[in-house]
């Protein structure tokens, strides 16, 4: 995974005129920074500098990583794991450019902007890195298996405000007691501020091996004017949002209730996970856990528990 995205966001504060920093021990780095470095092609235990000053009111770090051409790129991350710059040129020049952009920064508009919507690199929802995740567990008496597979060759465009937004497509195939029960093709996009949006899903329901319906299907622009929010750019306790806001039947209210969860799964143990409480349209409550650099590692329906079995990346 040697993909580099030089997505310079509007920087709220830049309190340094130099990138000179202090080398840090790997274990001393914030968990989100370690996960983001590995997710962007770095290696565990590599050299990382903590830079002087702050970006966006946070400490920030620089790590050298080789790109697909073998050239070294210096990646700059804020303490929350957000990649804010990929540097190939002179550091002093880049520092000056960042200062200039910070001075020209404008307030965030109400309508999100999408410069590269299919590039989903939010640390807790890094869909652009995923090849396939497999989750298994139980929901009530049923044994459940979910295969979550990226479909980069599929394309679908939505309109948000005056923008044409091309979605990243992810397919979920769900089995109950070994029998295919649902195939959902989901559409996602990341805004320039790092928030990941949900733009709809095409659902096929199966019973006894035969297609029986499409309950739960919805698309932005057809069934609703409101895109859902999968996860904010920087989730914190108390954040509230809606993954789906379509109808009385297709509606979900979400709230971040923890950002320090530890989750043990067959695929590994993950620390500092984001726990989201989901209130479904029928009033039932479920929970999802997101790990930095991975994505969903645990789903807890009202009467079950589903855990990540494997996490395969591109």
Protein backbone atom coordinates (compact mmCIF):
# COMPACT_ATOMS: atom_id res chain seq x y z
CA UNK A 1 0.00 0.00 0.00
CA UNK A 2 2.18 2.85 -1.26
CA UNK A 3 -0.51 5.32 -2.21
CA UNK A 4 0.18 8.90 -1.26
CA UNK A 5 -2.45 11.60 -1.21
CA UNK A 6 -1.16 15.17 -0.87
CA UNK A 7 -4.50 16.50 0.32
CA UNK A 8 -3.65 19.81 1.96
CA UNK A 9 -6.67 20.79 4.01
CA UNK A 10 -7.40 24.28 5.32
CA UNK A 11 -5.04 24.59 8.28
CA UNK A 12 -6.58 26.38 11.21
CA UNK A 13 -3.26 27.26 12.85
CA UNK A 14 0.40 27.00 11.94
CA UNK A 15 2.61 27.96 14.86
CA UNK A 16 5.99 27.04 13.44
CA UNK A 17 8.24 28.36 10.70
CA UNK A 18 10.37 25.23 10.47
CA UNK A 19 9.92 21.47 10.15
CA UNK A 20 12.93 20.66 12.31
CA UNK A 21 11.84 18.10 14.89
CA UNK A 22 12.85 15.54 17.49
CA UNK A 23 13.05 11.82 16.76
CA UNK A 24 10.47 9.82 18.69
CA UNK A 25 10.42 6.24 19.89
CA UNK A 26 7.73 4.25 18.09
CA UNK A 27 5.97 3.34 21.34
CA UNK A 28 5.74 7.03 22.30
CA UNK A 29 3.74 7.96 19.20
CA UNK A 30 -0.05 8.36 19.46
CA UNK A 31 -1.81 5.16 18.41
CA UNK A 32 -3.61 6.99 15.61
CA UNK A 33 -0.27 8.20 14.19
CA UNK A 34 1.27 4.72 14.29
CA UNK A 35 -1.75 3.25 12.51
CA UNK A 36 -1.80 6.00 9.88
CA UNK A 37 1.92 5.58 9.11
CA UNK A 38 1.52 1.84 8.56
CA UNK A 39 -1.66 2.39 6.52
CA UNK A 40 0.24 4.78 4.25
CA UNK A 41 3.08 2.37 3.47
CA UNK A 42 5.34 2.87 6.47
CA UNK A 43 6.73 0.20 8.78
CA UNK A 44 6.26 -0.43 12.49
CA UNK A 45 9.20 0.81 14.52
CA UNK A 46 10.50 3.18 11.85
CA UNK A 47 12.03 6.57 12.57
CA UNK A 48 9.49 9.36 13.12
CA UNK A 49 10.10 13.00 14.07
CA UNK A 50 7.83 15.08 16.26
CA UNK A 51 7.89 18.54 14.70
CA UNK A 52 8.11 21.85 16.53
CA UNK A 53 4.92 23.81 16.96
CA UNK A 54 1.44 22.65 16.01
CA UNK A 55 -0.89 22.20 13.03
CA UNK A 56 -4.64 22.69 13.51
CA UNK A 57 -3.96 23.04 17.24
CA UNK A 58 -2.34 19.60 17.42
CA UNK A 59 1.14 18.12 17.69
CA UNK A 60 2.32 16.78 14.35
CA UNK A 61 4.78 14.22 13.11
CA UNK A 62 6.87 13.50 10.00
CA UNK A 63 7.73 10.04 8.69
CA UNK A 64 9.79 9.11 5.63
CA UNK A 65 8.14 6.48 3.39
CA UNK A 66 9.07 5.17 -0.05
CA UNK A 67 6.50 5.73 -2.80
CA UNK A 68 5.71 3.31 -5.64
CA UNK A 69 8.61 4.70 -7.67
CA UNK A 70 11.11 4.10 -4.90
CA UNK A 71 11.45 7.79 -4.04
CA UNK A 72 11.25 8.84 -0.40
CA UNK A 73 8.29 11.00 0.52
CA UNK A 74 7.97 12.73 3.87
CA UNK A 75 4.45 12.29 5.22
CA UNK A 76 3.14 14.74 7.80
CA UNK A 77 0.46 13.56 10.26
CA UNK A 78 -1.37 15.40 13.01
CA UNK A 79 -1.74 13.64 16.36
CA UNK A 80 -5.19 12.32 15.41
CA UNK A 81 -3.66 10.32 12.54
CA UNK A 82 -4.72 12.64 9.73
CA UNK A 83 -2.35 12.87 6.74
CA UNK A 84 -2.03 16.61 6.04
CA UNK A 85 0.88 16.72 3.62
CA UNK A 86 3.12 14.62 1.39
CA UNK A 87 6.46 16.38 0.78
CA UNK A 88 8.81 15.73 -2.10
CA UNK A 89 10.36 19.17 -2.33
CA UNK A 90 12.38 21.43 -0.06
CA UNK A 91 10.99 21.59 3.46
CA UNK A 92 11.53 25.33 3.85
CA UNK A 93 9.57 26.01 0.67
CA UNK A 94 6.72 23.77 1.85
CA UNK A 95 6.65 25.47 5.25
CA UNK A 96 6.24 28.83 3.51
CA UNK A 97 3.48 27.45 1.30
CA UNK A 98 1.65 26.11 4.35
CA UNK A 99 1.94 29.47 6.07
CA UNK A 100 0.50 31.21 3.00
CA UNK A 101 -2.39 28.76 2.76
CA UNK A 102 -3.15 29.13 6.47
CA UNK A 103 -3.45 32.91 6.04
CA UNK A 104 -5.84 32.44 3.13
CA UNK A 105 -7.99 29.81 4.87
CA UNK A 106 -11.73 30.43 4.86
CA UNK A 107 -14.52 29.19 7.14
CA UNK A 108 -15.84 25.74 6.26
CA UNK A 109 -18.93 25.92 4.06
CA UNK A 110 -22.17 24.24 5.12
CA UNK A 111 -22.14 22.08 2.02
CA UNK A 112 -19.10 19.75 2.12
CA UNK A 113 -16.68 19.82 -0.79
CA UNK A 114 -15.42 16.67 -2.50
CA UNK A 115 -12.18 17.06 -4.45
CA UNK A 116 -11.27 13.33 -4.38
CA UNK A 117 -14.38 11.58 -3.00
CA UNK A 118 -13.22 8.03 -3.78
CA UNK A 119 -10.00 8.53 -1.81
CA UNK A 120 -11.28 7.47 1.60
CA UNK A 121 -8.37 7.66 4.05
CA UNK A 122 -10.13 8.67 7.26
CA UNK A 123 -8.00 6.77 9.86
CA UNK A 124 -11.03 4.96 11.28
CA UNK A 125 -12.73 4.27 7.92
CA UNK A 126 -9.82 3.66 5.51
CA UNK A 127 -11.96 2.09 2.78
CA UNK A 128 -9.52 2.87 -0.02
CA UNK A 129 -7.01 0.47 1.52
CA UNK A 130 -9.39 -2.43 2.05
CA UNK A 131 -9.46 -5.37 -0.32
CA UNK A 132 -11.71 -7.55 1.81
CA UNK A 133 -12.75 -7.79 5.45
CA UNK A 134 -14.49 -10.85 6.85
CA UNK A 135 -16.57 -10.69 10.02
CA UNK A 136 -18.27 -13.61 11.76
CA UNK A 137 -20.39 -14.11 14.84
CA UNK A 138 -23.95 -14.59 15.96
CA UNK A 139 -27.15 -12.59 15.84
CA UNK A 140 -29.72 -14.30 18.03
CA UNK A 141 -29.70 -18.00 17.15
CA UNK A 142 -28.18 -17.38 13.69
CA UNK A 143 -24.55 -17.77 12.75
CA UNK A 144 -23.60 -14.72 10.69
CA UNK A 145 -20.80 -14.16 8.18
CA UNK A 146 -20.17 -10.87 6.37
CA UNK A 147 -17.72 -10.48 3.50
CA UNK A 148 -16.98 -6.78 2.91
CA UNK A 149 -15.24 -6.30 -0.44
CA UNK A 150 -14.07 -3.13 -2.19
CA UNK A 151 -15.27 -2.78 -5.79
CA UNK A 152 -12.97 -0.10 -7.28
CA UNK A 153 -13.96 -1.00 -10.85
CA UNK A 154 -17.59 -0.03 -10.18
CA UNK A 155 -18.56 3.61 -10.49
CA UNK A 156 -21.64 5.62 -9.51
CA UNK A 157 -22.06 9.39 -9.43
CA UNK A 158 -24.26 11.45 -7.12
CA UNK A 159 -25.01 15.16 -6.95
CA UNK A 160 -24.35 17.02 -3.71
CA UNK A 161 -25.15 20.70 -3.99
CA UNK A 162 -23.69 21.70 -7.34
CA UNK A 163 -21.01 19.01 -7.26
CA UNK A 164 -20.89 15.73 -9.16
CA UNK A 165 -19.54 13.26 -6.61
CA UNK A 166 -18.26 9.86 -7.68
CA UNK A 167 -18.65 7.25 -4.94
CA UNK A 168 -16.39 4.44 -3.81
CA UNK A 169 -18.30 1.16 -4.03
CA UNK A 170 -18.14 -1.52 -1.33
CA UNK A 171 -20.13 -4.76 -1.41
CA UNK A 172 -21.38 -6.58 1.69
CA UNK A 173 -22.39 -10.22 1.30
CA UNK A 174 -24.11 -11.67 4.35
CA UNK A 175 -24.77 -15.31 5.16
CA UNK A 176 -27.05 -16.65 7.89
CA UNK A 177 -26.42 -20.24 8.97
CA UNK A 178 -24.41 -20.78 5.80
CA UNK A 179 -27.09 -19.49 3.42
CA UNK A 180 -26.76 -16.24 1.47
CA UNK A 181 -29.29 -13.79 2.92
CA UNK A 182 -28.32 -10.37 1.52
CA UNK A 183 -26.07 -8.61 -0.94
CA UNK A 184 -25.76 -4.85 -0.36
CA UNK A 185 -23.80 -2.58 -2.69
CA UNK A 186 -22.93 0.54 -0.67
CA UNK A 187 -21.77 3.94 -1.90
CA UNK A 188 -19.37 6.14 0.08
CA UNK A 189 -17.46 9.39 -0.38
CA UNK A 190 -14.97 11.34 1.70
CA UNK A 191 -15.26 15.11 1.91
CA UNK A 192 -12.20 17.34 1.91
CA UNK A 193 -12.44 17.76 5.70
CA UNK A 194 -12.09 13.99 6.20
CA UNK A 195 -15.74 13.21 7.00
CA UNK A 196 -16.95 10.00 5.34
CA UNK A 197 -20.46 10.15 3.86
CA UNK A 198 -22.94 7.39 3.00
CA UNK A 199 -24.71 8.01 -0.31
CA UNK A 200 -26.96 4.97 -0.51
CA UNK A 201 -27.17 1.25 -1.08
CA UNK A 202 -28.66 -1.22 -3.54
CA UNK A 203 -29.93 -4.24 -1.60
CA UNK A 204 -30.82 -7.73 -2.80
CA UNK A 205 -32.47 -9.98 -0.22
CA UNK A 206 -32.38 -13.76 -0.61
CA UNK A 207 -34.32 -16.66 0.85
CA UNK A 208 -33.73 -20.28 0.00
CA UNK A 209 -31.24 -19.24 -2.63
CA UNK A 210 -33.76 -17.05 -4.45
CA UNK A 211 -34.06 -13.27 -4.69
CA UNK A 212 -37.06 -12.13 -2.64
CA UNK A 213 -36.85 -8.32 -2.48
CA UNK A 214 -34.91 -5.11 -2.10
CA UNK A 215 -35.94 -3.80 1.32
CA UNK A 216 -33.54 -1.21 2.70
CA UNK A 217 -32.43 0.14 -0.67
CA UNK A 218 -32.05 3.91 -1.01
CA UNK A 219 -30.06 6.40 -3.04
CA UNK A 220 -29.14 10.04 -2.46
CA UNK A 221 -31.01 12.25 -4.92
CA UNK A 222 -33.73 9.68 -5.46
CA UNK A 223 -35.01 8.77 -2.00
CA UNK A 224 -33.47 11.55 0.09
CA UNK A 225 -31.64 14.84 -0.27
CA UNK A 226 -29.52 14.20 2.82
CA UNK A 227 -26.31 12.15 2.60
CA UNK A 228 -25.64 10.03 5.66
CA UNK A 229 -22.50 10.36 7.78
CA UNK A 230 -20.51 7.19 8.42
CA UNK A 231 -18.02 8.88 10.72
CA UNK A 232 -16.82 12.46 11.29
CA UNK A 233 -13.27 13.43 10.36
CA UNK A 234 -12.15 13.55 14.01
CA UNK A 235 -14.62 11.52 16.09
CA UNK A 236 -14.93 12.51 19.73
CA UNK A 237 -17.25 11.51 22.54
CA UNK A 238 -20.61 13.22 22.16
CA UNK A 239 -20.55 13.55 18.36
CA UNK A 240 -24.01 12.89 16.95
CA UNK A 241 -24.91 12.22 13.31
CA UNK A 242 -27.15 10.14 11.08
CA UNK A 243 -25.87 7.33 8.90
CA UNK A 244 -29.27 7.12 7.20
CA UNK A 245 -31.95 9.82 7.06
CA UNK A 246 -34.31 8.59 4.39
CA UNK A 247 -37.70 7.65 5.86
CA UNK A 248 -39.33 6.34 9.02
CA UNK A 249 -38.25 2.85 8.00
CA UNK A 250 -34.73 3.77 6.86
CA UNK A 251 -33.36 5.96 9.62
CA UNK A 252 -30.42 5.66 11.99
CA UNK A 253 -29.20 7.99 14.73
CA UNK A 254 -25.59 7.61 15.80
CA UNK A 255 -23.48 8.86 18.69
CA UNK A 256 -19.80 8.42 19.56
CA UNK A 257 -19.75 7.13 23.15
CA UNK A 258 -16.06 6.19 23.53
CA UNK A 259 -12.72 6.62 21.77
CA UNK A 260 -10.66 4.40 24.10
CA UNK A 261 -12.11 0.92 23.55
CA UNK A 262 -9.93 -2.20 23.33
CA UNK A 263 -11.33 -4.91 21.07
CA UNK A 264 -9.92 -8.45 20.83
CA UNK A 265 -10.79 -10.28 17.61
CA UNK A 266 -9.47 -13.30 15.69
CA UNK A 267 -7.79 -10.80 13.36
CA UNK A 268 -5.95 -9.07 16.21
CA UNK A 269 -6.36 -6.86 19.27
CA UNK A 270 -7.06 -3.19 18.64
CA UNK A 271 -6.67 -0.30 21.08
CA UNK A 272 -8.18 3.19 21.24
CA UNK A 273 -11.16 2.14 19.11
CA UNK A 274 -14.09 4.45 18.47
CA UNK A 275 -17.37 3.02 19.78
CA UNK A 276 -20.55 4.25 18.08
CA UNK A 277 -24.05 3.73 19.44
CA UNK A 278 -26.62 3.23 16.68
CA UNK A 279 -30.33 3.83 17.28
CA UNK A 280 -32.21 2.05 14.49
CA UNK A 281 -35.59 3.02 13.06
CA UNK A 282 -37.39 0.34 15.09
CA UNK A 283 -35.90 1.63 18.33
CA UNK A 284 -33.33 -1.12 18.81
CA UNK A 285 -29.75 -0.23 19.69
CA UNK A 286 -26.60 -1.62 18.12
CA UNK A 287 -22.91 -0.77 18.48
CA UNK A 288 -19.99 -0.55 16.06
CA UNK A 289 -16.29 -0.37 16.91
CA UNK A 290 -13.77 1.28 14.57
CA UNK A 291 -10.00 0.72 14.82
CA UNK A 292 -7.47 3.18 13.39
CA UNK A 293 -5.94 1.94 10.15
CA UNK A 294 -8.47 -0.90 9.86
CA UNK A 295 -12.13 0.15 10.04
CA UNK A 296 -14.97 -1.85 11.61
CA UNK A 297 -13.59 -4.57 13.89
CA UNK A 298 -16.73 -5.38 15.87
CA UNK A 299 -20.48 -5.11 15.38
CA UNK A 300 -22.88 -5.71 18.25
CA UNK A 301 -26.52 -6.14 17.22
CA UNK A 302 -29.04 -6.13 20.05
CA UNK A 303 -28.79 -9.89 20.56
CA UNK A 304 -25.43 -10.81 19.11
CA UNK A 305 -21.74 -10.15 18.54
CA UNK A 306 -19.84 -10.15 15.24
CA UNK A 307 -16.02 -9.88 15.15
CA UNK A 308 -13.40 -9.24 12.49
CA UNK A 309 -11.86 -12.52 11.31
CA UNK A 310 -9.48 -11.21 8.65
CA UNK A 311 -8.40 -7.85 7.21
CA UNK A 312 -6.88 -7.93 3.71
CA UNK A 313 -5.58 -4.75 2.11
CA UNK A 314 -4.54 -3.79 -1.39
